[in-house]
Amino acid sequence: MILLEVLKSLSNQTRLNILEWLKEPFAHFPEDELADYSPEFGVCVSDIAKKAGMSVPTVSVYLKTMMSANILIATRKDQWTYYKRNEEAIQELAQYIKVSL
């Protein structure tokens, strides 16, 4: 884990919101938008963009930044890309902060 990269990827309120939304999708997204939801894949980019009130291209850049920092995992299914949290990496980050900072 490259701490600086992770922290940079979270230095935006919308990206922090996305991380929170993906922790409990059913608490944050309308049920009809999660009709095809699978914990294996996560939430579709278009649903995340709609929730954020932003364009899909802008949200895609945010998600790719977070994926590059290894805190999100992307899965491509047909023409759609889905994102979920990388819980292992998030726990590593929490432990690192607790122990080292």
Protein backbone atom coordinates (compact mmCIF):
# COMPACT_ATOMS: atom_id res chain seq x y z
CA MET A 1 0.00 0.00 0.00
CA ILE A 2 1.27 3.42 -0.93
CA LEU A 3 -0.22 5.60 1.79
CA LEU A 4 0.14 8.90 -0.05
CA GLU A 5 -1.67 7.55 -3.11
CA VAL A 6 -4.51 6.24 -0.95
CA LEU A 7 -4.84 9.52 0.93
CA LYS A 8 -4.83 11.52 -2.30
CA SER A 9 -7.56 9.28 -3.71
CA LEU A 10 -9.71 10.08 -0.66
CA SER A 11 -9.02 13.82 -0.60
CA ASN A 12 -12.34 14.69 -2.18
CA GLN A 13 -15.78 14.69 -0.51
CA THR A 14 -17.48 12.88 -3.38
CA ARG A 15 -14.89 10.09 -3.35
CA LEU A 16 -15.32 9.73 0.42
CA ASN A 17 -19.09 9.58 -0.13
CA ILE A 18 -18.67 6.88 -2.77
CA LEU A 19 -16.58 4.79 -0.40
CA GLU A 20 -19.30 5.16 2.25
CA TRP A 21 -22.11 4.36 -0.21
CA LEU A 22 -20.36 1.22 -1.40
CA LYS A 23 -19.97 -0.03 2.17
CA GLU A 24 -23.75 -0.49 2.42
CA PRO A 25 -25.27 -0.11 -1.05
CA PHE A 26 -28.84 -0.92 0.03
CA ALA A 27 -28.73 1.89 2.59
CA HIS A 28 -27.68 4.46 -0.01
CA PHE A 29 -29.06 3.48 -3.44
CA PRO A 30 -32.71 3.02 -4.43
CA GLU A 31 -33.65 -0.64 -4.45
CA ASP A 32 -34.74 -0.55 -8.12
CA GLU A 33 -31.24 0.61 -9.12
CA LEU A 34 -29.76 -2.39 -7.34
CA ALA A 35 -32.03 -4.93 -9.04
CA ASP A 36 -28.98 -6.55 -10.65
CA TYR A 37 -26.70 -5.94 -7.64
CA SER A 38 -24.29 -8.69 -6.71
CA PRO A 39 -21.76 -8.44 -3.86
CA GLU A 40 -19.35 -10.16 -6.25
CA PHE A 41 -19.47 -7.22 -8.68
CA GLY A 42 -20.61 -4.17 -6.71
CA VAL A 43 -22.54 -1.15 -7.98
CA CYS A 44 -22.71 0.04 -11.59
CA VAL A 45 -20.88 3.25 -12.49
CA SER A 46 -24.07 4.82 -13.85
CA ASP A 47 -25.87 4.28 -10.53
CA ILE A 48 -22.94 5.81 -8.62
CA ALA A 49 -22.90 8.80 -11.00
CA LYS A 50 -26.64 9.31 -10.57
CA LYS A 51 -26.32 9.22 -6.77
CA ALA A 52 -23.41 11.68 -6.89
CA GLY A 53 -25.30 14.03 -9.22
CA MET A 54 -22.34 14.01 -11.59
CA SER A 55 -21.63 12.85 -15.11
CA VAL A 56 -20.53 9.26 -15.73
CA PRO A 57 -17.16 10.38 -17.19
CA THR A 58 -16.36 12.48 -14.09
CA VAL A 59 -17.35 9.71 -11.69
CA SER A 60 -15.41 7.21 -13.79
CA VAL A 61 -12.25 9.27 -13.27
CA TYR A 62 -12.91 9.34 -9.51
CA LEU A 63 -13.48 5.58 -9.43
CA LYS A 64 -10.35 4.86 -11.46
CA THR A 65 -8.33 7.04 -9.09
CA MET A 66 -9.64 5.04 -6.14
CA MET A 67 -9.03 1.77 -7.98
CA SER A 68 -5.43 2.80 -8.73
CA ALA A 69 -4.99 3.36 -5.00
CA ASN A 70 -6.30 -0.19 -4.49
CA ILE A 71 -9.29 0.78 -2.34
CA LEU A 72 -11.84 -0.18 -5.00
CA ILE A 73 -12.13 -3.23 -7.22
CA ALA A 74 -13.61 -2.93 -10.72
CA THR A 75 -15.39 -5.71 -12.56
CA ARG A 76 -16.41 -5.43 -16.18
CA LYS A 77 -19.60 -7.31 -17.15
CA ASP A 78 -20.70 -6.91 -20.76
CA GLN A 79 -20.76 -3.15 -21.41
CA TRP A 80 -21.01 -2.17 -17.73
CA THR A 81 -18.35 -1.61 -15.10
CA TYR A 82 -19.13 -2.29 -11.45
CA TYR A 83 -17.19 -1.17 -8.41
CA LYS A 84 -16.94 -2.51 -4.89
CA ARG A 85 -14.73 -1.75 -1.93
CA ASN A 86 -11.47 -3.60 -1.45
CA GLU A 87 -12.16 -4.43 2.18
CA GLU A 88 -8.77 -6.06 2.70
CA ALA A 89 -6.91 -2.93 1.59
CA ILE A 90 -9.20 -0.69 3.65
CA GLN A 91 -8.53 -2.78 6.75
CA GLU A 92 -4.79 -2.61 6.03
CA LEU A 93 -5.06 1.18 5.82
CA ALA A 94 -6.99 1.37 9.09
CA GLN A 95 -4.44 -0.84 10.83
CA TYR A 96 -1.52 1.15 9.43
CA ILE A 97 -3.05 4.42 10.66
CA LYS A 98 -3.78 2.91 14.06
CA VAL A 99 -0.29 1.49 14.54
CA SER A 100 1.97 3.90 12.70
CA LEU A 101 0.39 7.34 12.71
